Amino acid sequence: MVEEVLQAGFERAGSAEFLRNPDDPRDWNAAPSAAAAAGKRGTADRFVVRFVKPANL
């Protein structure tokens, strides 16, 4: 995903790990409603990447 955005001409401006959850076993992949029903809503290991559009695009 990141490579696709970079190839489109955007520049990576930063990233953050405030949504990380190292305890997530990454053993499920469900829609938010299914995750809520399983009691796993809000427990996924997530990330944030910020891109900016250069002035010449």
N, C-alpha and C. Protein backbone atom coordinates (compact mmCIF):
# COMPACT_ATOMS: atom_id res chain seq x y z
N MET A 1 0.81 -1.18 0.00
CA MET A 1 0.00 0.00 0.00
C MET A 1 0.87 1.26 0.00
N VAL A 2 1.85 1.33 0.85
CA VAL A 2 2.71 2.52 0.93
C VAL A 2 3.42 2.75 -0.40
N GLU A 3 3.91 1.68 -1.00
CA GLU A 3 4.62 1.82 -2.28
C GLU A 3 3.71 2.38 -3.37
N GLU A 4 2.46 1.98 -3.38
CA GLU A 4 1.52 2.49 -4.38
C GLU A 4 1.33 3.99 -4.25
N VAL A 5 1.23 4.47 -3.03
CA VAL A 5 1.04 5.91 -2.80
C VAL A 5 2.31 6.67 -3.20
N LEU A 6 3.47 6.13 -2.87
CA LEU A 6 4.73 6.77 -3.25
C LEU A 6 4.88 6.80 -4.77
N GLN A 7 4.51 5.72 -5.44
CA GLN A 7 4.59 5.66 -6.90
C GLN A 7 3.64 6.65 -7.56
N ALA A 8 2.58 7.02 -6.87
CA ALA A 8 1.63 7.99 -7.41
C ALA A 8 2.15 9.42 -7.26
N GLY A 9 3.32 9.58 -6.63
CA GLY A 9 3.94 10.89 -6.53
C GLY A 9 3.85 11.56 -5.18
N PHE A 10 3.17 10.94 -4.23
CA PHE A 10 3.07 11.54 -2.90
C PHE A 10 4.36 11.27 -2.13
N GLU A 11 4.58 12.08 -1.10
CA GLU A 11 5.76 11.93 -0.26
C GLU A 11 5.33 11.48 1.13
N ARG A 12 6.09 10.56 1.70
CA ARG A 12 5.79 10.11 3.06
C ARG A 12 6.24 11.20 4.02
N ALA A 13 5.30 11.68 4.84
CA ALA A 13 5.58 12.78 5.75
C ALA A 13 5.73 12.33 7.19
N GLY A 14 5.46 11.08 7.47
CA GLY A 14 5.62 10.60 8.83
C GLY A 14 4.80 9.36 9.10
N SER A 15 4.97 8.84 10.29
CA SER A 15 4.20 7.70 10.73
C SER A 15 4.13 7.74 12.25
N ALA A 16 3.22 6.96 12.80
CA ALA A 16 3.06 6.93 14.26
C ALA A 16 2.63 5.54 14.69
N GLU A 17 2.90 5.22 15.91
CA GLU A 17 2.57 3.90 16.44
C GLU A 17 1.62 3.97 17.62
N PHE A 18 0.88 5.08 17.78
CA PHE A 18 0.00 5.22 18.93
C PHE A 18 -1.19 4.26 18.90
N LEU A 19 -1.48 3.65 17.77
CA LEU A 19 -2.57 2.67 17.67
C LEU A 19 -2.07 1.24 17.74
N ARG A 20 -0.77 1.05 17.95
CA ARG A 20 -0.19 -0.30 17.97
C ARG A 20 -0.71 -1.09 19.17
N ASN A 21 -0.89 -2.37 18.97
CA ASN A 21 -1.25 -3.30 20.02
C ASN A 21 -0.41 -4.55 19.82
N PRO A 22 0.76 -4.62 20.45
CA PRO A 22 1.64 -5.77 20.25
C PRO A 22 1.03 -7.08 20.76
N ASP A 23 -0.03 -7.01 21.56
CA ASP A 23 -0.67 -8.23 22.07
C ASP A 23 -1.69 -8.82 21.09
N ASP A 24 -1.92 -8.16 19.96
CA ASP A 24 -2.86 -8.67 18.97
C ASP A 24 -2.26 -9.91 18.31
N PRO A 25 -2.91 -11.07 18.43
CA PRO A 25 -2.36 -12.29 17.82
C PRO A 25 -2.51 -12.33 16.30
N ARG A 26 -3.26 -11.38 15.74
CA ARG A 26 -3.49 -11.30 14.28
C ARG A 26 -4.04 -12.61 13.74
N ASP A 27 -4.95 -13.18 14.47
CA ASP A 27 -5.55 -14.46 14.06
C ASP A 27 -6.99 -14.32 13.59
N TRP A 28 -7.41 -13.09 13.31
CA TRP A 28 -8.77 -12.87 12.83
C TRP A 28 -8.79 -11.67 11.92
N ASN A 29 -9.81 -11.64 11.07
CA ASN A 29 -10.01 -10.52 10.16
C ASN A 29 -11.51 -10.42 9.94
N ALA A 30 -12.12 -9.42 10.54
CA ALA A 30 -13.57 -9.35 10.48
C ALA A 30 -14.03 -7.91 10.32
N ALA A 31 -15.24 -7.75 9.85
CA ALA A 31 -15.87 -6.44 9.77
C ALA A 31 -16.05 -5.91 11.19
N PRO A 32 -16.15 -4.60 11.36
CA PRO A 32 -16.31 -4.04 12.71
C PRO A 32 -17.47 -4.66 13.50
N SER A 33 -18.60 -4.93 12.84
CA SER A 33 -19.73 -5.51 13.57
C SER A 33 -19.41 -6.94 14.03
N ALA A 34 -18.69 -7.70 13.20
CA ALA A 34 -18.30 -9.05 13.59
C ALA A 34 -17.27 -9.02 14.70
N ALA A 35 -16.35 -8.07 14.64
CA ALA A 35 -15.35 -7.94 15.70
C ALA A 35 -16.03 -7.59 17.01
N ALA A 36 -17.02 -6.70 16.96
CA ALA A 36 -17.75 -6.33 18.18
C ALA A 36 -18.48 -7.53 18.76
N ALA A 37 -19.10 -8.32 17.89
CA ALA A 37 -19.82 -9.51 18.35
C ALA A 37 -18.88 -10.52 19.00
N ALA A 38 -17.64 -10.56 18.53
CA ALA A 38 -16.65 -11.50 19.08
C ALA A 38 -15.92 -10.92 20.29
N GLY A 39 -16.24 -9.68 20.66
CA GLY A 39 -15.58 -9.04 21.79
C GLY A 39 -14.17 -8.57 21.48
N LYS A 40 -13.85 -8.37 20.21
CA LYS A 40 -12.50 -7.98 19.81
C LYS A 40 -12.43 -6.58 19.23
N ARG A 41 -13.52 -5.83 19.24
CA ARG A 41 -13.52 -4.49 18.66
C ARG A 41 -12.51 -3.62 19.41
N GLY A 42 -11.65 -2.94 18.65
CA GLY A 42 -10.67 -2.04 19.24
C GLY A 42 -9.41 -2.72 19.71
N THR A 43 -9.22 -3.99 19.39
CA THR A 43 -8.04 -4.71 19.87
C THR A 43 -7.02 -4.97 18.76
N ALA A 44 -7.32 -4.55 17.54
CA ALA A 44 -6.42 -4.82 16.42
C ALA A 44 -5.14 -3.99 16.50
N ASP A 45 -4.06 -4.53 15.99
CA ASP A 45 -2.80 -3.82 15.87
C ASP A 45 -2.90 -2.95 14.62
N ARG A 46 -2.82 -1.63 14.78
CA ARG A 46 -3.02 -0.71 13.66
C ARG A 46 -1.83 0.22 13.52
N PHE A 47 -1.82 0.97 12.41
CA PHE A 47 -0.73 1.90 12.16
C PHE A 47 -1.26 3.15 11.47
N VAL A 48 -0.45 4.19 11.48
CA VAL A 48 -0.80 5.46 10.84
C VAL A 48 0.38 5.87 9.96
N VAL A 49 0.09 6.24 8.72
CA VAL A 49 1.11 6.76 7.82
C VAL A 49 0.55 8.04 7.21
N ARG A 50 1.35 9.09 7.19
CA ARG A 50 0.91 10.37 6.64
C ARG A 50 1.66 10.66 5.35
N PHE A 51 0.91 11.04 4.32
CA PHE A 51 1.48 11.41 3.03
C PHE A 51 1.08 12.84 2.70
N VAL A 52 1.93 13.52 1.95
CA VAL A 52 1.60 14.85 1.47
C VAL A 52 1.74 14.89 -0.04
N LYS A 53 0.96 15.75 -0.64
CA LYS A 53 0.99 15.94 -2.08
C LYS A 53 1.99 17.04 -2.38
N PRO A 54 3.04 16.76 -3.16
CA PRO A 54 4.01 17.79 -3.50
C PRO A 54 3.36 18.91 -4.32
N ALA A 55 3.91 20.09 -4.25
CA ALA A 55 3.36 21.24 -4.94
C ALA A 55 3.33 21.06 -6.45
N ASN A 56 4.21 20.22 -6.99
CA ASN A 56 4.27 20.05 -8.44
C ASN A 56 3.30 19.02 -8.99
N LEU A 57 2.46 18.42 -8.16
CA LEU A 57 1.48 17.45 -8.67
C LEU A 57 0.18 18.11 -9.03
